[in-house]
Amino acid sequence: MGLIRSSFQFVVGTVFGVYVAQNYSVPNIHKLVNSGVAIAKHFEENYRKPKKKDEGN
């Protein structure tokens, strides 16, 4: 019974996702994630504390 129920939920979710993607303006998640990673790298490069230098060498 569990296999039929989980399969039904998967199929309904897939059909709903296809319907939404075809009929509404859904943003491209891959581009959104890539821009978020680029912004995070920019902040890390600009605001990271400098590394401590070894005074013994």
Protein backbone atom coordinates (compact mmCIF):
# COMPACT_ATOMS: atom_id res chain seq x y z
CA MET A 1 0.00 0.00 0.00
CA GLY A 2 2.88 2.36 0.77
CA LEU A 3 4.37 1.98 -2.69
CA ILE A 4 1.10 2.90 -4.40
CA ARG A 5 0.55 5.90 -2.12
CA SER A 6 4.08 7.27 -2.59
CA SER A 7 3.90 6.68 -6.36
CA PHE A 8 0.57 8.52 -6.52
CA GLN A 9 2.00 11.49 -4.61
CA PHE A 10 5.05 11.56 -6.90
CA VAL A 11 2.91 11.52 -10.05
CA VAL A 12 0.57 14.23 -8.73
CA GLY A 13 3.55 16.40 -7.75
CA THR A 14 5.17 15.94 -11.15
CA VAL A 15 1.97 16.79 -13.03
CA PHE A 16 1.44 19.88 -10.85
CA GLY A 17 5.06 21.00 -11.43
CA VAL A 18 4.74 20.61 -15.19
CA TYR A 19 1.48 22.56 -15.18
CA VAL A 20 2.97 25.43 -13.16
CA ALA A 21 6.14 25.55 -15.29
CA GLN A 22 4.14 25.76 -18.51
CA ASN A 23 1.52 28.27 -17.43
CA TYR A 24 3.37 30.64 -15.11
CA SER A 25 6.63 32.56 -15.24
CA VAL A 26 8.85 30.45 -12.97
CA PRO A 27 12.37 31.81 -12.39
CA ASN A 28 15.37 29.74 -13.42
CA ILE A 29 16.62 28.31 -10.12
CA HIS A 30 20.04 27.38 -11.52
CA LYS A 31 20.77 30.99 -12.50
CA LEU A 32 19.47 32.21 -9.14
CA VAL A 33 21.75 29.83 -7.23
CA ASN A 34 24.77 30.75 -9.35
CA SER A 35 24.25 34.47 -8.72
CA GLY A 36 23.86 33.80 -4.97
CA VAL A 37 27.14 31.87 -4.93
CA ALA A 38 28.89 34.68 -6.81
CA ILE A 39 27.62 37.26 -4.30
CA ALA A 40 28.72 35.06 -1.37
CA LYS A 41 32.23 34.70 -2.87
CA HIS A 42 32.42 38.46 -3.35
CA PHE A 43 31.54 39.12 0.29
CA GLU A 44 33.97 36.46 1.50
CA GLU A 45 36.85 37.93 -0.53
CA ASN A 46 36.17 41.50 0.61
CA TYR A 47 35.32 41.01 4.29
CA ARG A 48 37.42 38.03 5.38
CA LYS A 49 39.96 38.65 8.11
CA PRO A 50 43.55 38.51 6.86
CA LYS A 51 45.47 35.35 7.70
CA LYS A 52 47.95 35.59 10.55
CA LYS A 53 51.57 35.38 9.44
CA ASP A 54 54.03 33.15 11.30
CA GLU A 55 56.41 35.38 13.25
CA GLY A 56 59.01 32.62 13.74
CA ASN A 57 59.85 32.19 10.05
